[in-house]
Amino acid sequence: MKPQDSAPFSYPVRVGHISHNPVEVRLEANEAERVALAALWDIVSVEGLSAELQIGRWKKDGVRVKGHVRARLTQSCVVTLEPVESEIDEPIEVIFVPEGSKLARIAANDSAEMILDPDGPDAPEVFSGDTIDVGESVAEHVALAIDPYPRKPGTAFAPHIEGTPETDAKPNPFAALKDWKKD
């Protein structure tokens, strides 16, 4: 990942300044960042977004970001369109490796098929230059945890009313021909 000016929540970290001993970092989104994130995620509002992270070296030239992400947000109910408040509390662990690193390659078997374990760790994020954007990773983790179909408690879609076989029956195009029988 490379830092972008357009990222609504950004916390750039210079890789050269990261030691092997993890450093504790606390991030919190300000009002403007929360408004921009709500617009990006197409939700009503983001009342809070914070992260408590440990940032340290990983192997020779990688960076590990580990911690917890918390968010309070409001979405529109998919049934009533009323506001629905929700809280997100997710662990985060991201590994960044420089572009071209052997650690960024995904394992393949003898037939050159990629081996992906859905329950295994995520593949490392690749960055170029000497800066990673930890804030962007935090925002991505929150975005993935947002309920895509929020519902206000106690609401449900109206049951589907099935028609009777007589009303659902399609007219037979040959029904008019039955009266034309030859005598």
C-alpha atoms as a PDB file:
ATOM      1  CA  MET A   1       0.000   0.000   0.000  1.00  0.00           C
ATOM      2  CA  LYS A   2       1.186   3.456  -0.650  1.00  0.00           C
ATOM      3  CA  PRO A   3      -0.116   6.562   1.032  1.00  0.00           C
ATOM      4  CA  GLN A   4      -2.743   8.444  -0.891  1.00  0.00           C
ATOM      5  CA  ASP A   5      -3.926  11.986  -0.457  1.00  0.00           C
ATOM      6  CA  SER A   6      -7.496  10.850  -1.124  1.00  0.00           C
ATOM      7  CA  ALA A   7      -7.634   8.326   1.753  1.00  0.00           C
ATOM      8  CA  PRO A   8     -10.260   9.628   4.198  1.00  0.00           C
ATOM      9  CA  PHE A   9      -8.469   8.127   7.221  1.00  0.00           C
ATOM     10  CA  SER A  10      -4.707   8.136   6.928  1.00  0.00           C
ATOM     11  CA  TYR A  11      -1.828   7.508   9.308  1.00  0.00           C
ATOM     12  CA  PRO A  12       1.414   7.218   7.339  1.00  0.00           C
ATOM     13  CA  VAL A  13       4.307   5.404   9.014  1.00  0.00           C
ATOM     14  CA  ARG A  14       7.889   5.531   7.753  1.00  0.00           C
ATOM     15  CA  VAL A  15       9.161   1.973   7.582  1.00  0.00           C
ATOM     16  CA  GLY A  16      12.749   3.024   8.299  1.00  0.00           C
ATOM     17  CA  HIS A  17      11.706   4.350  11.719  1.00  0.00           C
ATOM     18  CA  ILE A  18      10.133   1.067  12.893  1.00  0.00           C
ATOM     19  CA  SER A  19      12.124  -0.987  15.389  1.00  0.00           C
ATOM     20  CA  HIS A  20      11.948  -4.692  16.232  1.00  0.00           C
ATOM     21  CA  ASN A  21      10.285  -3.786  19.531  1.00  0.00           C
ATOM     22  CA  PRO A  22       6.625  -3.021  18.747  1.00  0.00           C
ATOM     23  CA  VAL A  23       5.454   0.512  19.436  1.00  0.00           C
ATOM     24  CA  GLU A  24       1.974   1.169  20.860  1.00  0.00           C
ATOM     25  CA  VAL A  25      -0.101   3.547  18.723  1.00  0.00           C
ATOM     26  CA  ARG A  26      -3.639   4.806  19.313  1.00  0.00           C
ATOM     27  CA  LEU A  27      -5.514   6.242  16.341  1.00  0.00           C
ATOM     28  CA  GLU A  28      -8.813   8.112  16.449  1.00  0.00           C
ATOM     29  CA  ALA A  29     -10.732   9.593  13.527  1.00  0.00           C
ATOM     30  CA  ASN A  30     -11.647  13.271  13.769  1.00  0.00           C
ATOM     31  CA  GLU A  31     -14.970  14.786  12.640  1.00  0.00           C
ATOM     32  CA  ALA A  32     -13.901  15.441   9.034  1.00  0.00           C
ATOM     33  CA  GLU A  33     -12.464  11.930   8.657  1.00  0.00           C
ATOM     34  CA  ARG A  34     -15.650  10.345  10.063  1.00  0.00           C
ATOM     35  CA  VAL A  35     -17.817  12.338   7.624  1.00  0.00           C
ATOM     36  CA  ALA A  36     -15.589  11.302   4.700  1.00  0.00           C
ATOM     37  CA  LEU A  37     -15.674   7.640   5.778  1.00  0.00           C
ATOM     38  CA  ALA A  38     -19.488   7.695   6.059  1.00  0.00           C
ATOM     39  CA  ALA A  39     -19.678   9.050   2.502  1.00  0.00           C
ATOM     40  CA  LEU A  40     -17.180   6.461   1.250  1.00  0.00           C
ATOM     41  CA  TRP A  41     -19.047   3.570   2.908  1.00  0.00           C
ATOM     42  CA  ASP A  42     -22.462   4.972   1.899  1.00  0.00           C
ATOM     43  CA  ILE A  43     -23.842   4.931   5.440  1.00  0.00           C
ATOM     44  CA  VAL A  44     -25.660   7.563   7.512  1.00  0.00           C
ATOM     45  CA  SER A  45     -22.787   8.432   9.873  1.00  0.00           C
ATOM     46  CA  VAL A  46     -19.686   7.290  11.708  1.00  0.00           C
ATOM     47  CA  GLU A  47     -19.883   8.393  15.347  1.00  0.00           C
ATOM     48  CA  GLY A  48     -16.498   6.988  16.324  1.00  0.00           C
ATOM     49  CA  LEU A  49     -13.514   5.126  14.928  1.00  0.00           C
ATOM     50  CA  SER A  50     -10.464   4.187  16.954  1.00  0.00           C
ATOM     51  CA  ALA A  51      -7.667   1.646  16.891  1.00  0.00           C
ATOM     52  CA  GLU A  52      -5.121   0.460  19.436  1.00  0.00           C
ATOM     53  CA  LEU A  53      -2.178  -0.995  17.553  1.00  0.00           C
ATOM     54  CA  GLN A  54       1.297  -2.394  18.011  1.00  0.00           C
ATOM     55  CA  ILE A  55       3.574  -1.619  15.058  1.00  0.00           C
ATOM     56  CA  GLY A  56       6.875  -3.460  14.770  1.00  0.00           C
ATOM     57  CA  ARG A  57       9.318  -5.116  12.388  1.00  0.00           C
ATOM     58  CA  TRP A  58       8.434  -8.462  10.858  1.00  0.00           C
ATOM     59  CA  LYS A  59      11.225 -10.720   9.660  1.00  0.00           C
ATOM     60  CA  LYS A  60      13.947  -8.781   7.845  1.00  0.00           C
ATOM     61  CA  ASP A  61      12.161  -6.033   5.929  1.00  0.00           C
ATOM     62  CA  GLY A  62       8.457  -6.406   6.719  1.00  0.00           C
ATOM     63  CA  VAL A  63       6.171  -4.621   9.183  1.00  0.00           C
ATOM     64  CA  ARG A  64       3.507  -6.170  11.420  1.00  0.00           C
ATOM     65  CA  VAL A  65       0.513  -4.154  12.597  1.00  0.00           C
ATOM     66  CA  LYS A  66      -1.541  -5.908  15.251  1.00  0.00           C
ATOM     67  CA  GLY A  67      -4.280  -4.736  17.578  1.00  0.00           C
ATOM     68  CA  HIS A  68      -7.969  -3.878  17.843  1.00  0.00           C
ATOM     69  CA  VAL A  69     -10.305  -1.673  15.829  1.00  0.00           C
ATOM     70  CA  ARG A  70     -13.522  -0.191  17.222  1.00  0.00           C
ATOM     71  CA  ALA A  71     -16.228   1.815  15.475  1.00  0.00           C
ATOM     72  CA  ARG A  72     -19.725   3.142  16.161  1.00  0.00           C
ATOM     73  CA  LEU A  73     -21.820   3.850  13.118  1.00  0.00           C
ATOM     74  CA  THR A  74     -25.355   4.416  11.901  1.00  0.00           C
ATOM     75  CA  GLN A  75     -26.835   2.821   8.802  1.00  0.00           C
ATOM     76  CA  SER A  76     -30.301   2.797   7.236  1.00  0.00           C
ATOM     77  CA  CYS A  77     -32.500  -0.232   7.917  1.00  0.00           C
ATOM     78  CA  VAL A  78     -33.028  -2.221   4.708  1.00  0.00           C
ATOM     79  CA  VAL A  79     -36.713  -2.717   5.598  1.00  0.00           C
ATOM     80  CA  THR A  80     -37.895   0.580   7.119  1.00  0.00           C
ATOM     81  CA  LEU A  81     -35.041   2.966   6.191  1.00  0.00           C
ATOM     82  CA  GLU A  82     -34.930   4.041   9.859  1.00  0.00           C
ATOM     83  CA  PRO A  83     -31.488   4.602  11.429  1.00  0.00           C
ATOM     84  CA  VAL A  84     -29.792   1.497  12.842  1.00  0.00           C
ATOM     85  CA  GLU A  85     -26.842   1.933  15.190  1.00  0.00           C
ATOM     86  CA  SER A  86     -24.127  -0.701  15.316  1.00  0.00           C
ATOM     87  CA  GLU A  87     -20.777  -1.250  16.976  1.00  0.00           C
ATOM     88  CA  ILE A  88     -17.763  -2.924  15.475  1.00  0.00           C
ATOM     89  CA  ASP A  89     -15.031  -4.437  17.618  1.00  0.00           C
ATOM     90  CA  GLU A  90     -12.577  -6.408  15.493  1.00  0.00           C
ATOM     91  CA  PRO A  91      -9.023  -7.681  15.868  1.00  0.00           C
ATOM     92  CA  ILE A  92      -6.604  -6.526  13.200  1.00  0.00           C
ATOM     93  CA  GLU A  93      -3.356  -8.067  12.037  1.00  0.00           C
ATOM     94  CA  VAL A  94      -1.718  -6.904   8.832  1.00  0.00           C
ATOM     95  CA  ILE A  95       1.725  -7.683   7.519  1.00  0.00           C
ATOM     96  CA  PHE A  96       3.350  -5.304   5.052  1.00  0.00           C
ATOM     97  CA  VAL A  97       6.272  -6.335   2.847  1.00  0.00           C
ATOM     98  CA  PRO A  98       8.194  -4.279   0.294  1.00  0.00           C
ATOM     99  CA  GLU A  99       7.454  -4.618  -3.390  1.00  0.00           C
ATOM    100  CA  GLY A 100       9.427  -7.516  -4.902  1.00  0.00           C
ATOM    101  CA  SER A 101       9.888  -9.291  -1.560  1.00  0.00           C
ATOM    102  CA  LYS A 102       9.951 -13.103  -1.608  1.00  0.00           C
ATOM    103  CA  LEU A 103       7.603 -13.000   1.393  1.00  0.00           C
ATOM    104  CA  ALA A 104       4.816 -11.513  -0.753  1.00  0.00           C
ATOM    105  CA  ARG A 105       4.584 -14.504  -3.058  1.00  0.00           C
ATOM    106  CA  ILE A 106       1.683 -16.913  -2.671  1.00  0.00           C
ATOM    107  CA  ALA A 107       2.670 -20.575  -2.437  1.00  0.00           C
ATOM    108  CA  ALA A 108       2.012 -22.762  -5.457  1.00  0.00           C
ATOM    109  CA  ASN A 109       2.097 -26.535  -5.870  1.00  0.00           C
ATOM    110  CA  ASP A 110       3.842 -28.573  -8.584  1.00  0.00           C
ATOM    111  CA  SER A 111       1.135 -27.842 -11.159  1.00  0.00           C
ATOM    112  CA  ALA A 112       1.518 -24.059 -10.596  1.00  0.00           C
ATOM    113  CA  GLU A 113      -1.867 -23.790  -8.853  1.00  0.00           C
ATOM    114  CA  MET A 114      -2.050 -21.215  -6.097  1.00  0.00           C
ATOM    115  CA  ILE A 115      -2.741 -22.663  -2.662  1.00  0.00           C
ATOM    116  CA  LEU A 116      -5.060 -20.474  -0.589  1.00  0.00           C
ATOM    117  CA  ASP A 117      -6.267 -21.404   2.868  1.00  0.00           C
ATOM    118  CA  PRO A 118      -9.494 -19.510   3.664  1.00  0.00           C
ATOM    119  CA  ASP A 119      -8.917 -20.027   7.379  1.00  0.00           C
ATOM    120  CA  GLY A 120      -5.220 -19.222   7.186  1.00  0.00           C
ATOM    121  CA  PRO A 121      -3.525 -15.853   7.541  1.00  0.00           C
ATOM    122  CA  ASP A 122      -4.039 -13.197   4.895  1.00  0.00           C
ATOM    123  CA  ALA A 123      -1.350 -12.684   2.301  1.00  0.00           C
ATOM    124  CA  PRO A 124       0.975  -9.805   3.148  1.00  0.00           C
ATOM    125  CA  GLU A 125       0.155  -6.325   1.850  1.00  0.00           C
ATOM    126  CA  VAL A 126       2.764  -5.004  -0.555  1.00  0.00           C
ATOM    127  CA  PHE A 127       4.046  -1.443  -0.308  1.00  0.00           C
ATOM    128  CA  SER A 128       6.387   0.615  -2.416  1.00  0.00           C
ATOM    129  CA  GLY A 129       8.627   3.379  -1.199  1.00  0.00           C
ATOM    130  CA  ASP A 130       9.384   3.805   2.493  1.00  0.00           C
ATOM    131  CA  THR A 131       5.897   4.540   3.901  1.00  0.00           C
ATOM    132  CA  ILE A 132       2.866   2.430   4.805  1.00  0.00           C
ATOM    133  CA  ASP A 133      -0.593   3.794   5.584  1.00  0.00           C
ATOM    134  CA  VAL A 134      -1.822   2.155   8.781  1.00  0.00           C
ATOM    135  CA  GLY A 135      -4.969   4.324   8.879  1.00  0.00           C
ATOM    136  CA  GLU A 136      -6.095   3.027   5.514  1.00  0.00           C
ATOM    137  CA  SER A 137      -5.754  -0.572   6.758  1.00  0.00           C
ATOM    138  CA  VAL A 138      -7.815   0.277   9.849  1.00  0.00           C
ATOM    139  CA  ALA A 139     -10.547   1.780   7.645  1.00  0.00           C
ATOM    140  CA  GLU A 140     -10.512  -1.305   5.397  1.00  0.00           C
ATOM    141  CA  HIS A 141     -10.999  -3.629   8.389  1.00  0.00           C
ATOM    142  CA  VAL A 142     -13.975  -1.594   9.587  1.00  0.00           C
ATOM    143  CA  ALA A 143     -15.476  -1.495   6.084  1.00  0.00           C
ATOM    144  CA  LEU A 144     -15.293  -5.293   5.851  1.00  0.00           C
ATOM    145  CA  ALA A 145     -17.071  -5.638   9.212  1.00  0.00           C
ATOM    146  CA  ILE A 146     -20.040  -3.399   8.295  1.00  0.00           C
ATOM    147  CA  ASP A 147     -23.336  -5.307   8.077  1.00  0.00           C
ATOM    148  CA  PRO A 148     -24.397  -5.135   4.410  1.00  0.00           C
ATOM    149  CA  TYR A 149     -28.105  -5.597   5.314  1.00  0.00           C
ATOM    150  CA  PRO A 150     -28.763  -3.846   8.626  1.00  0.00           C
ATOM    151  CA  ARG A 151     -32.221  -4.256  10.152  1.00  0.00           C
ATOM    152  CA  LYS A 152     -33.830  -2.479  13.043  1.00  0.00           C
ATOM    153  CA  PRO A 153     -34.572  -4.991  15.839  1.00  0.00           C
ATOM    154  CA  GLY A 154     -38.028  -6.505  15.474  1.00  0.00           C
ATOM    155  CA  THR A 155     -38.476  -5.667  11.794  1.00  0.00           C
ATOM    156  CA  ALA A 156     -38.822  -8.158   8.992  1.00  0.00           C
ATOM    157  CA  PHE A 157     -39.775  -8.178   5.370  1.00  0.00           C
ATOM    158  CA  ALA A 158     -43.492  -8.682   4.711  1.00  0.00           C
ATOM    159  CA  PRO A 159     -44.214 -12.302   3.866  1.00  0.00           C
ATOM    160  CA  HIS A 160     -44.572 -13.078   0.204  1.00  0.00           C
ATOM    161  CA  ILE A 161     -48.218 -13.720  -0.646  1.00  0.00           C
ATOM    162  CA  GLU A 162     -48.568 -16.653  -2.941  1.00  0.00           C
ATOM    163  CA  GLY A 163     -51.435 -16.690  -5.409  1.00  0.00           C
ATOM    164  CA  THR A 164     -53.803 -19.571  -5.930  1.00  0.00           C
ATOM    165  CA  PRO A 165     -53.161 -22.020  -8.734  1.00  0.00           C
ATOM    166  CA  GLU A 166     -56.137 -20.582 -10.621  1.00  0.00           C
ATOM    167  CA  THR A 167     -54.794 -17.012 -10.514  1.00  0.00           C
ATOM    168  CA  ASP A 168     -51.211 -18.040 -11.147  1.00  0.00           C
ATOM    169  CA  ALA A 169     -52.032 -20.291 -14.090  1.00  0.00           C
ATOM    170  CA  LYS A 170     -50.840 -18.921 -17.377  1.00  0.00           C
ATOM    171  CA  PRO A 171     -53.451 -18.866 -20.109  1.00  0.00           C
ATOM    172  CA  ASN A 172     -53.083 -21.673 -22.595  1.00  0.00           C
ATOM    173  CA  PRO A 173     -52.563 -20.161 -26.053  1.00  0.00           C
ATOM    174  CA  PHE A 174     -54.417 -23.114 -27.623  1.00  0.00           C
ATOM    175  CA  ALA A 175     -57.521 -22.781 -25.402  1.00  0.00           C
ATOM    176  CA  ALA A 176     -59.293 -20.671 -28.042  1.00  0.00           C
ATOM    177  CA  LEU A 177     -58.766 -23.428 -30.599  1.00  0.00           C
ATOM    178  CA  LYS A 178     -60.752 -26.037 -28.647  1.00  0.00           C
ATOM    179  CA  ASP A 179     -64.021 -24.526 -29.914  1.00  0.00           C
ATOM    180  CA  TRP A 180     -62.826 -24.797 -33.545  1.00  0.00           C
ATOM    181  CA  LYS A 181     -62.907 -28.577 -33.636  1.00  0.00           C
ATOM    182  CA  LYS A 182     -63.971 -29.993 -36.949  1.00  0.00           C
ATOM    183  CA  ASP A 183     -67.155 -31.956 -36.804  1.00  0.00           C
END
